[in-house]
Structure formats: structure tokens, C-alpha cells
Protein backbone atom coordinates (compact mmCIF):
# COMPACT_ATOMS: atom_id res chain seq x y z
CA MET A 1 23.22 -28.97 114.44
CA THR A 2 19.58 -28.42 115.32
CA PHE A 3 17.12 -26.55 113.19
CA LYS A 4 17.09 -23.63 115.61
CA GLU A 5 20.89 -23.27 115.51
CA LYS A 6 20.92 -23.50 111.71
CA PHE A 7 18.14 -20.92 111.48
CA GLU A 8 19.96 -18.52 113.80
CA LYS A 9 23.18 -19.01 111.85
CA ASP A 10 21.53 -18.31 108.49
CA PHE A 11 19.21 -15.49 109.55
CA GLY A 12 20.98 -14.11 112.61
CA SER A 13 22.61 -11.25 110.78
CA PRO A 14 20.65 -7.98 110.86
CA TYR A 15 21.64 -7.34 107.24
CA VAL A 16 20.16 -10.66 106.10
CA LYS A 17 16.94 -10.00 108.00
CA LEU A 18 16.66 -6.54 106.48
CA LEU A 19 17.34 -7.90 103.00
CA LEU A 20 14.63 -10.56 103.37
CA ARG A 21 12.14 -8.00 104.68
CA TYR A 22 12.97 -5.71 101.75
CA LYS A 23 12.48 -8.48 99.19
CA SER A 24 9.22 -9.64 100.73
CA SER A 25 7.88 -6.07 100.88
CA LYS A 26 8.71 -5.71 97.19
CA MET A 27 6.68 -8.83 96.35
CA ILE A 28 3.77 -7.64 98.48
CA LEU A 29 3.89 -4.22 96.80
CA VAL A 30 3.74 -5.78 93.33
CA PHE A 31 0.80 -7.98 94.37
CA PHE A 32 -1.27 -5.14 95.84
CA ALA A 33 -0.40 -2.80 92.96
CA LEU A 34 -1.63 -5.46 90.55
CA LEU A 35 -4.87 -5.87 92.51
CA PHE A 36 -5.46 -2.12 92.61
CA PHE A 37 -4.79 -1.49 88.93
CA ILE A 38 -6.82 -4.52 87.81
CA SER A 39 -9.81 -3.38 89.85
CA PHE A 40 -9.32 0.19 88.57
CA TYR A 41 -9.31 -1.11 84.99
CA PHE A 42 -12.39 -3.29 85.52
CA VAL A 43 -14.35 -0.41 87.05
CA GLY A 44 -13.38 1.84 84.15
CA ALA A 45 -14.29 -0.85 81.60
CA GLY A 46 -17.67 -1.48 83.25
CA PHE A 47 -16.89 -5.12 84.08
CA TYR A 48 -18.61 -6.11 87.37
CA THR A 49 -18.66 -2.50 88.52
CA ASP A 50 -20.79 -3.24 91.57
CA ILE A 51 -18.13 -5.58 92.99
CA PHE A 52 -14.96 -3.81 91.90
CA SER A 53 -16.09 -0.27 92.78
CA SER A 54 -16.54 -1.30 96.40
CA LEU A 55 -13.20 -3.11 96.43
CA LEU A 56 -11.31 -0.30 94.72
CA SER A 57 -10.78 1.78 97.84
CA VAL A 58 -9.76 -1.27 99.88
CA PHE A 59 -7.17 -2.22 97.27
CA TYR A 60 -6.01 1.41 97.16
CA ILE A 61 -5.44 1.42 100.92
CA LEU A 62 -3.59 -1.91 100.77
CA PHE A 63 -1.48 -0.63 97.88
CA LEU A 64 -0.56 2.57 99.76
CA THR A 65 0.24 0.65 102.93
CA SER A 66 2.52 -1.75 101.08
CA LEU A 67 4.12 1.22 99.29
CA PHE A 68 4.76 2.88 102.66
CA PHE A 69 6.50 -0.20 104.06
CA TYR A 70 8.44 -0.77 100.84
CA LEU A 71 9.82 2.78 100.79
CA VAL A 72 10.84 2.64 104.43
CA LEU A 73 12.57 -0.73 104.00
CA PHE A 74 14.17 0.44 100.75
CA ILE A 75 15.80 3.40 102.49
CA LYS A 76 16.90 1.24 105.39
CA HIS A 77 18.31 -1.32 102.94
CA VAL A 78 20.22 1.28 100.92
CA PHE A 79 21.75 3.08 103.88
CA GLY A 80 22.03 0.02 106.11
CA SER A 81 23.12 0.54 109.68
CA ASN A 82 24.58 3.96 108.91
CA ILE A 83 21.23 5.60 109.70
CA LYS A 84 21.03 7.10 113.14
CA LEU A 85 17.88 6.89 115.24
CA ILE A 86 16.79 10.47 114.56
CA TYR A 87 16.96 9.88 110.81
CA ASN A 88 14.93 6.70 111.22
CA ILE A 89 12.24 8.64 113.06
CA PHE A 90 12.32 11.36 110.38
CA ILE A 91 11.91 8.76 107.61
CA TYR A 92 8.92 7.14 109.32
CA ILE A 93 7.23 10.47 110.03
CA SER A 94 7.78 11.87 106.53
CA PHE A 95 6.48 8.75 104.79
CA PHE A 96 3.53 8.59 107.18
CA ILE A 97 2.60 12.18 106.29
CA LEU A 98 2.87 11.27 102.61
CA TYR A 99 0.73 8.19 103.28
CA LEU A 100 -1.98 10.29 104.93
CA PHE A 101 -1.85 12.80 102.08
CA LEU A 102 -2.41 10.03 99.53
CA LEU A 103 -5.29 8.67 101.62
CA PHE A 104 -6.96 12.08 101.60
CA PRO A 105 -9.47 11.30 98.79
CA ILE A 106 -10.82 8.37 100.78
CA LEU A 107 -10.83 10.05 104.17
CA TYR A 108 -12.36 13.28 102.88
CA LYS A 109 -15.13 11.94 100.66
CA GLY A 110 -17.47 9.34 102.04
CA GLY A 111 -15.31 6.63 103.57
CA PHE A 112 -14.31 3.34 101.99
CA TYR A 113 -17.25 2.51 99.76
CA GLY A 114 -17.90 6.00 98.50
CA PHE A 115 -14.44 6.32 96.97
CA TYR A 116 -15.23 5.54 93.35
CA THR A 117 -18.48 7.52 93.12
CA ASN A 118 -16.80 10.52 94.69
CA PHE A 119 -13.73 10.02 92.50
CA LEU A 120 -15.92 10.55 89.44
CA ASN A 121 -17.29 13.79 90.91
CA PHE A 122 -13.89 15.48 91.36
């Protein structure tokens, strides 16, 4: 049995692929959440504020993006193949609207690097 045949046998099932995507999105979410909250803590504590205040909005965007993909894959994992196409489209659109709503502080006030200074002025 070649490597390609073994790979297709192990990962050929759509359920297995979805499960692996769900698990990997969970790990990515934890990593980006950790980066965001560590940078948020360091900015609040005054530790290398010049570096972490510019990175805070980037980590926030990465955290929200990973949260978006995690929630979509979580719903697809829970309901499996029972979701029809129209419900899939509704899930993507609703989470994308939520994603844009959570990005509003960055998009409204000064772009990426003005996030923290404008966050203090709320």
C-alpha cells in the first residue's frame, strides 16, 4: 500500500476531515487568544508599551479571525452533514456580520496602529 492510498484511506472520510479541521481551528484559536490577551496585559501593565500597543490590534484581528473559523467549524462539526446549503450560507453570513461588528473599533477609529490610543479615549 502506497503512502497516497494509506492517506486517502485514513483521511478520505468527510467526517474525519471536518474533525481534524475543527481540532486544528481550536488550537489556532487558543494560540491567538493567548497572544491577544498577553499583549493586552503587557500594554495595561506598561511593559514595552511601544511594541505591544502596535501589535495589539493585529493580534485582535487574528484572534477574531480564528474565532470566526472556529465557530463555523464547530457548528458544522456538531450538526455534521445534516446542514443544508442554505443553512451553511446563513451561518457564514451571520458570523461574518458578527465578525465585522467586533472589528468596528479598529475600522472606525484610526486603522490598525491607532487602536490602543483610541481605545483609551472611548
